[in-house]
Amino acid sequence: MKIVGITACPTGIAHTYMAQECLEQELKKRGFEYKIETQGSLGAENELDDDDVKDADVVILAVSIVIEGEDRFDGKPILRVPVDRAIKDTANLVDEAVLLTK
């Protein structure tokens, strides 16, 4: 399974990167392929390219702001949650994302 996502918080500092780290740790633990883009105070980092999106089974948007480029996920199953949930409830969030693929 391949999961891609974006994390973004209002200030674009701590929670953006904490959410990225939590998601990456959980996805790695499960043996999934993944790539998580951050849209923080430094702009977009670890940007998802067209192949990342095309190959993804599901998209996790752990965001608490409007993000750039959301339209690139049209047609993909998307789980949208507040950025804090990606930090505090990561395992359940990933479970929900997996269920979207079935």
PDB file of N, CA and C in Angstrom:
ATOM      1  N   MET A   1       0.847  -1.178   0.000  1.00  0.00           N
ATOM      2  CA  MET A   1       0.000   0.000   0.000  1.00  0.00           C
ATOM      3  C   MET A   1       0.887   1.233   0.000  1.00  0.00           C
ATOM      4  N   LYS A   2       0.467   2.221  -0.791  1.00  0.00           N
ATOM      5  CA  LYS A   2       1.198   3.486  -0.821  1.00  0.00           C
ATOM      6  C   LYS A   2       0.261   4.601  -0.369  1.00  0.00           C
ATOM      7  N   ILE A   3       0.732   5.355   0.603  1.00  0.00           N
ATOM      8  CA  ILE A   3      -0.024   6.468   1.155  1.00  0.00           C
ATOM      9  C   ILE A   3       0.800   7.738   0.981  1.00  0.00           C
ATOM     10  N   VAL A   4       0.147   8.768   0.475  1.00  0.00           N
ATOM     11  CA  VAL A   4       0.771  10.084   0.411  1.00  0.00           C
ATOM     12  C   VAL A   4      -0.059  11.040   1.258  1.00  0.00           C
ATOM     13  N   GLY A   5       0.555  12.141   1.624  1.00  0.00           N
ATOM     14  CA  GLY A   5      -0.193  13.089   2.433  1.00  0.00           C
ATOM     15  C   GLY A   5       0.463  14.448   2.491  1.00  0.00           C
ATOM     16  N   ILE A   6      -0.276  15.343   3.125  1.00  0.00           N
ATOM     17  CA  ILE A   6       0.215  16.698   3.379  1.00  0.00           C
ATOM     18  C   ILE A   6      -0.098  17.034   4.824  1.00  0.00           C
ATOM     19  N   THR A   7       0.853  17.662   5.492  1.00  0.00           N
ATOM     20  CA  THR A   7       0.612  18.201   6.827  1.00  0.00           C
ATOM     21  C   THR A   7       0.805  19.712   6.770  1.00  0.00           C
ATOM     22  N   ALA A   8      -0.058  20.426   7.492  1.00  0.00           N
ATOM     23  CA  ALA A   8       0.027  21.893   7.514  1.00  0.00           C
ATOM     24  C   ALA A   8      -0.756  22.422   8.707  1.00  0.00           C
ATOM     25  N   CYS A   9      -0.148  23.351   9.432  1.00  0.00           N
ATOM     26  CA  CYS A   9      -0.817  23.990  10.565  1.00  0.00           C
ATOM     27  C   CYS A   9      -0.822  25.503  10.347  1.00  0.00           C
ATOM     28  N   PRO A  10      -1.606  26.229  11.149  1.00  0.00           N
ATOM     29  CA  PRO A  10      -1.714  27.678  10.929  1.00  0.00           C
ATOM     30  C   PRO A  10      -0.389  28.439  10.978  1.00  0.00           C
ATOM     31  N   THR A  11       0.510  28.083  11.877  1.00  0.00           N
ATOM     32  CA  THR A  11       1.779  28.811  11.946  1.00  0.00           C
ATOM     33  C   THR A  11       2.847  28.178  11.067  1.00  0.00           C
ATOM     34  N   GLY A  12       2.638  26.927  10.668  1.00  0.00           N
ATOM     35  CA  GLY A  12       3.574  26.272   9.752  1.00  0.00           C
ATOM     36  C   GLY A  12       4.901  25.939  10.370  1.00  0.00           C
ATOM     37  N   ILE A  13       4.879  25.727  11.670  1.00  0.00           N
ATOM     38  CA  ILE A  13       6.153  25.400  12.321  1.00  0.00           C
ATOM     39  C   ILE A  13       6.025  24.037  12.995  1.00  0.00           C
ATOM     40  N   ALA A  14       5.835  24.002  14.272  1.00  0.00           N
ATOM     41  CA  ALA A  14       5.941  22.763  15.047  1.00  0.00           C
ATOM     42  C   ALA A  14       4.960  21.671  14.634  1.00  0.00           C
ATOM     43  N   HIS A  15       3.668  21.963  14.632  1.00  0.00           N
ATOM     44  CA  HIS A  15       2.694  20.901  14.398  1.00  0.00           C
ATOM     45  C   HIS A  15       2.782  20.315  12.990  1.00  0.00           C
ATOM     46  N   THR A  16       3.131  21.120  12.022  1.00  0.00           N
ATOM     47  CA  THR A  16       3.294  20.622  10.657  1.00  0.00           C
ATOM     48  C   THR A  16       4.325  19.498  10.629  1.00  0.00           C
ATOM     49  N   TYR A  17       5.461  19.739  11.252  1.00  0.00           N
ATOM     50  CA  TYR A  17       6.563  18.778  11.195  1.00  0.00           C
ATOM     51  C   TYR A  17       6.374  17.630  12.196  1.00  0.00           C
ATOM     52  N   MET A  18       5.727  17.899  13.312  1.00  0.00           N
ATOM     53  CA  MET A  18       5.416  16.821  14.260  1.00  0.00           C
ATOM     54  C   MET A  18       4.442  15.834  13.631  1.00  0.00           C
ATOM     55  N   ALA A  19       3.442  16.341  12.929  1.00  0.00           N
ATOM     56  CA  ALA A  19       2.467  15.472  12.267  1.00  0.00           C
ATOM     57  C   ALA A  19       3.148  14.643  11.181  1.00  0.00           C
ATOM     58  N   GLN A  20       4.020  15.256  10.425  1.00  0.00           N
ATOM     59  CA  GLN A  20       4.766  14.522   9.400  1.00  0.00           C
ATOM     60  C   GLN A  20       5.549  13.377  10.034  1.00  0.00           C
ATOM     61  N   GLU A  21       6.255  13.668  11.103  1.00  0.00           N
ATOM     62  CA  GLU A  21       7.072  12.656  11.764  1.00  0.00           C
ATOM     63  C   GLU A  21       6.216  11.513  12.312  1.00  0.00           C
ATOM     64  N   CYS A  22       5.105  11.837  12.949  1.00  0.00           N
ATOM     65  CA  CYS A  22       4.229  10.801  13.498  1.00  0.00           C
ATOM     66  C   CYS A  22       3.666   9.907  12.396  1.00  0.00           C
ATOM     67  N   LEU A  23       3.205  10.518  11.311  1.00  0.00           N
ATOM     68  CA  LEU A  23       2.678   9.730  10.196  1.00  0.00           C
ATOM     69  C   LEU A  23       3.759   8.846   9.597  1.00  0.00           C
ATOM     70  N   GLU A  24       4.925   9.393   9.360  1.00  0.00           N
ATOM     71  CA  GLU A  24       5.996   8.609   8.756  1.00  0.00           C
ATOM     72  C   GLU A  24       6.406   7.439   9.645  1.00  0.00           C
ATOM     73  N   GLN A  25       6.464   7.643  10.949  1.00  0.00           N
ATOM     74  CA  GLN A  25       6.821   6.553  11.859  1.00  0.00           C
ATOM     75  C   GLN A  25       5.787   5.434  11.815  1.00  0.00           C
ATOM     76  N   GLU A  26       4.504   5.803  11.835  1.00  0.00           N
ATOM     77  CA  GLU A  26       3.440   4.796  11.816  1.00  0.00           C
ATOM     78  C   GLU A  26       3.404   4.053  10.479  1.00  0.00           C
ATOM     79  N   LEU A  27       3.544   4.769   9.388  1.00  0.00           N
ATOM     80  CA  LEU A  27       3.511   4.143   8.070  1.00  0.00           C
ATOM     81  C   LEU A  27       4.714   3.234   7.860  1.00  0.00           C
ATOM     82  N   LYS A  28       5.869   3.654   8.337  1.00  0.00           N
ATOM     83  CA  LYS A  28       7.072   2.822   8.246  1.00  0.00           C
ATOM     84  C   LYS A  28       6.894   1.552   9.070  1.00  0.00           C
ATOM     85  N   LYS A  29       6.353   1.692  10.275  1.00  0.00           N
ATOM     86  CA  LYS A  29       6.123   0.546  11.153  1.00  0.00           C
ATOM     87  C   LYS A  29       5.236  -0.496  10.483  1.00  0.00           C
ATOM     88  N   ARG A  30       4.286  -0.048   9.694  1.00  0.00           N
ATOM     89  CA  ARG A  30       3.358  -0.955   9.014  1.00  0.00           C
ATOM     90  C   ARG A  30       3.894  -1.481   7.689  1.00  0.00           C
ATOM     91  N   GLY A  31       5.042  -0.996   7.288  1.00  0.00           N
ATOM     92  CA  GLY A  31       5.648  -1.462   6.045  1.00  0.00           C
ATOM     93  C   GLY A  31       5.038  -0.865   4.787  1.00  0.00           C
ATOM     94  N   PHE A  32       4.349   0.265   4.918  1.00  0.00           N
ATOM     95  CA  PHE A  32       3.736   0.925   3.775  1.00  0.00           C
ATOM     96  C   PHE A  32       4.748   1.801   3.056  1.00  0.00           C
ATOM     97  N   GLU A  33       4.531   1.991   1.770  1.00  0.00           N
ATOM     98  CA  GLU A  33       5.254   3.027   1.034  1.00  0.00           C
ATOM     99  C   GLU A  33       4.558   4.340   1.359  1.00  0.00           C
ATOM    100  N   TYR A  34       5.319   5.417   1.463  1.00  0.00           N
ATOM    101  CA  TYR A  34       4.700   6.692   1.827  1.00  0.00           C
ATOM    102  C   TYR A  34       5.576   7.863   1.411  1.00  0.00           C
ATOM    103  N   LYS A  35       4.925   8.998   1.319  1.00  0.00           N
ATOM    104  CA  LYS A  35       5.618  10.268   1.164  1.00  0.00           C
ATOM    105  C   LYS A  35       4.692  11.336   1.708  1.00  0.00           C
ATOM    106  N   ILE A  36       5.219  12.139   2.610  1.00  0.00           N
ATOM    107  CA  ILE A  36       4.438  13.186   3.258  1.00  0.00           C
ATOM    108  C   ILE A  36       5.056  14.542   2.930  1.00  0.00           C
ATOM    109  N   GLU A  37       4.271  15.373   2.293  1.00  0.00           N
ATOM    110  CA  GLU A  37       4.672  16.741   1.975  1.00  0.00           C
ATOM    111  C   GLU A  37       4.295  17.638   3.149  1.00  0.00           C
ATOM    112  N   THR A  38       5.144  18.591   3.453  1.00  0.00           N
ATOM    113  CA  THR A  38       4.789  19.595   4.455  1.00  0.00           C
ATOM    114  C   THR A  38       4.591  20.929   3.754  1.00  0.00           C
ATOM    115  N   GLN A  39       3.592  21.662   4.222  1.00  0.00           N
ATOM    116  CA  GLN A  39       3.393  23.032   3.765  1.00  0.00           C
ATOM    117  C   GLN A  39       3.491  23.901   5.013  1.00  0.00           C
ATOM    118  N   GLY A  40       4.724  24.292   5.302  1.00  0.00           N
ATOM    119  CA  GLY A  40       4.997  25.033   6.525  1.00  0.00           C
ATOM    120  C   GLY A  40       5.491  26.435   6.256  1.00  0.00           C
ATOM    121  N   SER A  41       6.142  26.984   7.258  1.00  0.00           N
ATOM    122  CA  SER A  41       6.613  28.365   7.169  1.00  0.00           C
ATOM    123  C   SER A  41       7.679  28.547   6.088  1.00  0.00           C
ATOM    124  N   LEU A  42       8.329  27.466   5.695  1.00  0.00           N
ATOM    125  CA  LEU A  42       9.341  27.534   4.645  1.00  0.00           C
ATOM    126  C   LEU A  42       8.769  27.220   3.274  1.00  0.00           C
ATOM    127  N   GLY A  43       7.440  27.121   3.188  1.00  0.00           N
ATOM    128  CA  GLY A  43       6.797  26.732   1.938  1.00  0.00           C
ATOM    129  C   GLY A  43       6.655  25.226   1.873  1.00  0.00           C
ATOM    130  N   ALA A  44       6.394  24.707   0.685  1.00  0.00           N
ATOM    131  CA  ALA A  44       6.229  23.265   0.513  1.00  0.00           C
ATOM    132  C   ALA A  44       7.603  22.593   0.515  1.00  0.00           C
ATOM    133  N   GLU A  45       7.693  21.512   1.291  1.00  0.00           N
ATOM    134  CA  GLU A  45       8.916  20.712   1.347  1.00  0.00           C
ATOM    135  C   GLU A  45       8.537  19.257   1.125  1.00  0.00           C
ATOM    136  N   ASN A  46       9.489  18.482   0.600  1.00  0.00           N
ATOM    137  CA  ASN A  46       9.260  17.069   0.310  1.00  0.00           C
ATOM    138  C   ASN A  46       8.044  16.936  -0.616  1.00  0.00           C
ATOM    139  N   GLU A  47       8.000  17.788  -1.631  1.00  0.00           N
ATOM    140  CA  GLU A  47       6.822  17.908  -2.490  1.00  0.00           C
ATOM    141  C   GLU A  47       6.484  16.602  -3.206  1.00  0.00           C
ATOM    142  N   LEU A  48       5.192  16.320  -3.254  1.00  0.00           N
ATOM    143  CA  LEU A  48       4.683  15.162  -3.981  1.00  0.00           C
ATOM    144  C   LEU A  48       4.705  15.467  -5.474  1.00  0.00           C
ATOM    145  N   ASP A  49       5.267  14.556  -6.253  1.00  0.00           N
ATOM    146  CA  ASP A  49       5.239  14.760  -7.696  1.00  0.00           C
ATOM    147  C   ASP A  49       4.072  13.975  -8.304  1.00  0.00           C
ATOM    148  N   ASP A  50       3.901  14.115  -9.592  1.00  0.00           N
ATOM    149  CA  ASP A  50       2.767  13.476 -10.267  1.00  0.00           C
ATOM    150  C   ASP A  50       2.765  11.961 -10.074  1.00  0.00           C
ATOM    151  N   ASP A  51       3.941  11.327 -10.130  1.00  0.00           N
ATOM    152  CA  ASP A  51       4.010   9.875  -9.953  1.00  0.00           C
ATOM    153  C   ASP A  51       3.634   9.464  -8.529  1.00  0.00           C
ATOM    154  N   ASP A  52       4.049  10.249  -7.545  1.00  0.00           N
ATOM    155  CA  ASP A  52       3.670   9.949  -6.153  1.00  0.00           C
ATOM    156  C   ASP A  52       2.153   9.900  -6.031  1.00  0.00           C
ATOM    157  N   VAL A  53       1.504  10.889  -6.584  1.00  0.00           N
ATOM    158  CA  VAL A  53       0.045  10.989  -6.487  1.00  0.00           C
ATOM    159  C   VAL A  53      -0.617   9.875  -7.291  1.00  0.00           C
ATOM    160  N   LYS A  54      -0.137   9.648  -8.495  1.00  0.00           N
ATOM    161  CA  LYS A  54      -0.726   8.623  -9.368  1.00  0.00           C
ATOM    162  C   LYS A  54      -0.648   7.238  -8.713  1.00  0.00           C
ATOM    163  N   ASP A  55       0.465   6.931  -8.070  1.00  0.00           N
ATOM    164  CA  ASP A  55       0.687   5.612  -7.489  1.00  0.00           C
ATOM    165  C   ASP A  55       0.044   5.430  -6.115  1.00  0.00           C
ATOM    166  N   ALA A  56      -0.461   6.498  -5.529  1.00  0.00           N
ATOM    167  CA  ALA A  56      -1.011   6.427  -4.172  1.00  0.00           C
ATOM    168  C   ALA A  56      -2.347   5.699  -4.139  1.00  0.00           C
ATOM    169  N   ASP A  57      -2.525   4.896  -3.108  1.00  0.00           N
ATOM    170  CA  ASP A  57      -3.804   4.231  -2.874  1.00  0.00           C
ATOM    171  C   ASP A  57      -4.768   5.145  -2.132  1.00  0.00           C
ATOM    172  N   VAL A  58      -4.226   6.023  -1.289  1.00  0.00           N
ATOM    173  CA  VAL A  58      -5.045   6.918  -0.482  1.00  0.00           C
ATOM    174  C   VAL A  58      -4.214   8.141  -0.103  1.00  0.00           C
ATOM    175  N   VAL A  59      -4.907   9.234   0.175  1.00  0.00           N
ATOM    176  CA  VAL A  59      -4.266  10.498   0.539  1.00  0.00           C
ATOM    177  C   VAL A  59      -4.727  10.897   1.935  1.00  0.00           C
ATOM    178  N   ILE A  60      -3.775  11.261   2.782  1.00  0.00           N
ATOM    179  CA  ILE A  60      -4.093  11.796   4.107  1.00  0.00           C
ATOM    180  C   ILE A  60      -3.764  13.286   4.088  1.00  0.00           C
ATOM    181  N   LEU A  61      -4.762  14.097   4.361  1.00  0.00           N
ATOM    182  CA  LEU A  61      -4.555  15.535   4.505  1.00  0.00           C
ATOM    183  C   LEU A  61      -4.731  15.876   5.976  1.00  0.00           C
ATOM    184  N   ALA A  62      -3.628  15.997   6.680  1.00  0.00           N
ATOM    185  CA  ALA A  62      -3.642  16.380   8.090  1.00  0.00           C
ATOM    186  C   ALA A  62      -3.344  17.871   8.129  1.00  0.00           C
ATOM    187  N   VAL A  63      -4.398  18.644   7.945  1.00  0.00           N
ATOM    188  CA  VAL A  63      -4.229  20.083   7.734  1.00  0.00           C
ATOM    189  C   VAL A  63      -5.254  20.875   8.541  1.00  0.00           C
ATOM    190  N   SER A  64      -4.819  22.022   9.000  1.00  0.00           N
ATOM    191  CA  SER A  64      -5.712  22.927   9.725  1.00  0.00           C
ATOM    192  C   SER A  64      -5.790  24.286   9.042  1.00  0.00           C
ATOM    193  N   ILE A  65      -5.359  24.314   7.791  1.00  0.00           N
ATOM    194  CA  ILE A  65      -5.421  25.527   6.968  1.00  0.00           C
ATOM    195  C   ILE A  65      -5.758  25.106   5.540  1.00  0.00           C
ATOM    196  N   VAL A  66      -6.021  26.075   4.690  1.00  0.00           N
ATOM    197  CA  VAL A  66      -6.191  25.806   3.266  1.00  0.00           C
ATOM    198  C   VAL A  66      -4.806  25.523   2.695  1.00  0.00           C
ATOM    199  N   ILE A  67      -4.698  24.464   1.912  1.00  0.00           N
ATOM    200  CA  ILE A  67      -3.397  24.086   1.358  1.00  0.00           C
ATOM    201  C   ILE A  67      -3.340  24.359  -0.137  1.00  0.00           C
ATOM    202  N   GLU A  68      -2.134  24.377  -0.656  1.00  0.00           N
ATOM    203  CA  GLU A  68      -1.898  24.568  -2.087  1.00  0.00           C
ATOM    204  C   GLU A  68      -1.965  23.226  -2.797  1.00  0.00           C
ATOM    205  N   GLY A  69      -2.549  23.205  -3.972  1.00  0.00           N
ATOM    206  CA  GLY A  69      -2.484  22.039  -4.835  1.00  0.00           C
ATOM    207  C   GLY A  69      -3.365  20.867  -4.457  1.00  0.00           C
ATOM    208  N   GLU A  70      -4.432  21.117  -3.727  1.00  0.00           N
ATOM    209  CA  GLU A  70      -5.297  20.013  -3.323  1.00  0.00           C
ATOM    210  C   GLU A  70      -5.980  19.353  -4.521  1.00  0.00           C
ATOM    211  N   ASP A  71      -6.173  20.104  -5.576  1.00  0.00           N
ATOM    212  CA  ASP A  71      -6.846  19.566  -6.759  1.00  0.00           C
ATOM    213  C   ASP A  71      -6.078  18.421  -7.420  1.00  0.00           C
ATOM    214  N   ARG A  72      -4.793  18.286  -7.137  1.00  0.00           N
ATOM    215  CA  ARG A  72      -4.012  17.194  -7.728  1.00  0.00           C
ATOM    216  C   ARG A  72      -4.449  15.816  -7.229  1.00  0.00           C
ATOM    217  N   PHE A  73      -5.265  15.801  -6.165  1.00  0.00           N
ATOM    218  CA  PHE A  73      -5.730  14.535  -5.600  1.00  0.00           C
ATOM    219  C   PHE A  73      -7.121  14.142  -6.091  1.00  0.00           C
ATOM    220  N   ASP A  74      -7.670  14.889  -7.033  1.00  0.00           N
ATOM    221  CA  ASP A  74      -9.000  14.573  -7.557  1.00  0.00           C
ATOM    222  C   ASP A  74      -9.059  13.116  -8.008  1.00  0.00           C
ATOM    223  N   GLY A  75     -10.105  12.425  -7.577  1.00  0.00           N
ATOM    224  CA  GLY A  75     -10.288  11.032  -7.939  1.00  0.00           C
ATOM    225  C   GLY A  75      -9.652  10.037  -6.994  1.00  0.00           C
ATOM    226  N   LYS A  76      -8.872  10.511  -6.039  1.00  0.00           N
ATOM    227  CA  LYS A  76      -8.229   9.642  -5.053  1.00  0.00           C
ATOM    228  C   LYS A  76      -9.050   9.638  -3.764  1.00  0.00           C
ATOM    229  N   PRO A  77      -9.068   8.510  -3.040  1.00  0.00           N
ATOM    230  CA  PRO A  77      -9.690   8.539  -1.715  1.00  0.00           C
ATOM    231  C   PRO A  77      -8.877   9.465  -0.810  1.00  0.00           C
ATOM    232  N   ILE A  78      -9.566  10.361  -0.109  1.00  0.00           N
ATOM    233  CA  ILE A  78      -8.896  11.347   0.744  1.00  0.00           C
ATOM    234  C   ILE A  78      -9.471  11.282   2.152  1.00  0.00           C
ATOM    235  N   LEU A  79      -8.572  11.230   3.125  1.00  0.00           N
ATOM    236  CA  LEU A  79      -8.955  11.362   4.523  1.00  0.00           C
ATOM    237  C   LEU A  79      -8.441  12.715   4.991  1.00  0.00           C
ATOM    238  N   ARG A  80      -9.369  13.601   5.363  1.00  0.00           N
ATOM    239  CA  ARG A  80      -9.004  14.943   5.828  1.00  0.00           C
ATOM    240  C   ARG A  80      -9.256  15.007   7.324  1.00  0.00           C
ATOM    241  N   VAL A  81      -8.217  15.377   8.061  1.00  0.00           N
ATOM    242  CA  VAL A  81      -8.309  15.489   9.520  1.00  0.00           C
ATOM    243  C   VAL A  81      -7.533  16.717   9.973  1.00  0.00           C
ATOM    244  N   PRO A  82      -7.838  17.229  11.175  1.00  0.00           N
ATOM    245  CA  PRO A  82      -7.025  18.318  11.719  1.00  0.00           C
ATOM    246  C   PRO A  82      -5.596  17.843  11.971  1.00  0.00           C
ATOM    247  N   VAL A  83      -4.659  18.732  11.830  1.00  0.00           N
ATOM    248  CA  VAL A  83      -3.246  18.374  11.989  1.00  0.00           C
ATOM    249  C   VAL A  83      -2.970  17.759  13.364  1.00  0.00           C
ATOM    250  N   ASP A  84      -3.642  18.225  14.397  1.00  0.00           N
ATOM    251  CA  ASP A  84      -3.423  17.679  15.743  1.00  0.00           C
ATOM    252  C   ASP A  84      -3.744  16.192  15.825  1.00  0.00           C
ATOM    253  N   ARG A  85      -4.723  15.737  15.065  1.00  0.00           N
ATOM    254  CA  ARG A  85      -5.091  14.324  15.113  1.00  0.00           C
ATOM    255  C   ARG A  85      -3.965  13.437  14.588  1.00  0.00           C
ATOM    256  N   ALA A  86      -3.214  13.924  13.629  1.00  0.00           N
ATOM    257  CA  ALA A  86      -2.090  13.152  13.106  1.00  0.00           C
ATOM    258  C   ALA A  86      -1.004  12.962  14.153  1.00  0.00           C
ATOM    259  N   ILE A  87      -0.986  13.826  15.149  1.00  0.00           N
ATOM    260  CA  ILE A  87      -0.001  13.728  16.225  1.00  0.00           C
ATOM    261  C   ILE A  87      -0.534  12.861  17.365  1.00  0.00           C
ATOM    262  N   LYS A  88      -1.786  13.055  17.727  1.00  0.00           N
ATOM    263  CA  LYS A  88      -2.350  12.425  18.925  1.00  0.00           C
ATOM    264  C   LYS A  88      -3.022  11.082  18.682  1.00  0.00           C
ATOM    265  N   ASP A  89      -3.440  10.801  17.447  1.00  0.00           N
ATOM    266  CA  ASP A  89      -4.239   9.605  17.166  1.00  0.00           C
ATOM    267  C   ASP A  89      -3.777   8.962  15.852  1.00  0.00           C
ATOM    268  N   THR A  90      -2.484   8.861  15.696  1.00  0.00           N
ATOM    269  CA  THR A  90      -1.899   8.456  14.419  1.00  0.00           C
ATOM    270  C   THR A  90      -2.344   7.069  13.969  1.00  0.00           C
ATOM    271  N   ALA A  91      -2.287   6.093  14.858  1.00  0.00           N
ATOM    272  CA  ALA A  91      -2.610   4.716  14.469  1.00  0.00           C
ATOM    273  C   ALA A  91      -4.053   4.599  13.970  1.00  0.00           C
ATOM    274  N   ASN A  92      -4.993   5.206  14.686  1.00  0.00           N
ATOM    275  CA  ASN A  92      -6.391   5.150  14.260  1.00  0.00           C
ATOM    276  C   ASN A  92      -6.607   5.911  12.959  1.00  0.00           C
ATOM    277  N   LEU A  93      -5.912   6.997  12.796  1.00  0.00           N
ATOM    278  CA  LEU A  93      -6.001   7.773  11.560  1.00  0.00           C
ATOM    279  C   LEU A  93      -5.552   6.915  10.377  1.00  0.00           C
ATOM    280  N   VAL A  94      -4.442   6.211  10.509  1.00  0.00           N
ATOM    281  CA  VAL A  94      -3.949   5.355   9.431  1.00  0.00           C
ATOM    282  C   VAL A  94      -4.941   4.211   9.178  1.00  0.00           C
ATOM    283  N   ASP A  95      -5.513   3.651  10.248  1.00  0.00           N
ATOM    284  CA  ASP A  95      -6.545   2.606  10.071  1.00  0.00           C
ATOM    285  C   ASP A  95      -7.694   3.126   9.209  1.00  0.00           C
ATOM    286  N   GLU A  96      -8.150   4.339   9.493  1.00  0.00           N
ATOM    287  CA  GLU A  96      -9.255   4.935   8.723  1.00  0.00           C
ATOM    288  C   GLU A  96      -8.851   5.136   7.257  1.00  0.00           C
ATOM    289  N   ALA A  97      -7.629   5.570   7.033  1.00  0.00           N
ATOM    290  CA  ALA A  97      -7.155   5.773   5.658  1.00  0.00           C
ATOM    291  C   ALA A  97      -7.142   4.443   4.898  1.00  0.00           C
ATOM    292  N   VAL A  98      -6.701   3.388   5.546  1.00  0.00           N
ATOM    293  CA  VAL A  98      -6.664   2.072   4.909  1.00  0.00           C
ATOM    294  C   VAL A  98      -8.059   1.615   4.547  1.00  0.00           C
ATOM    295  N   LEU A  99      -9.015   1.866   5.429  1.00  0.00           N
ATOM    296  CA  LEU A  99     -10.405   1.466   5.154  1.00  0.00           C
ATOM    297  C   LEU A  99     -10.976   2.150   3.914  1.00  0.00           C
ATOM    298  N   LEU A 100     -10.488   3.334   3.616  1.00  0.00           N
ATOM    299  CA  LEU A 100     -10.951   4.050   2.417  1.00  0.00           C
ATOM    300  C   LEU A 100     -10.550   3.343   1.122  1.00  0.00           C
ATOM    301  N   THR A 101      -9.582   2.460   1.198  1.00  0.00           N
ATOM    302  CA  THR A 101      -9.104   1.766  -0.012  1.00  0.00           C
ATOM    303  C   THR A 101      -9.904   0.505  -0.286  1.00  0.00           C
ATOM    304  N   LYS A 102     -10.777   0.132   0.607  1.00  0.00           N
ATOM    305  CA  LYS A 102     -11.528  -1.137   0.439  1.00  0.00           C
ATOM    306  C   LYS A 102     -12.883  -0.921  -0.145  1.00  0.00           C
TER     307      LYS A 102
END
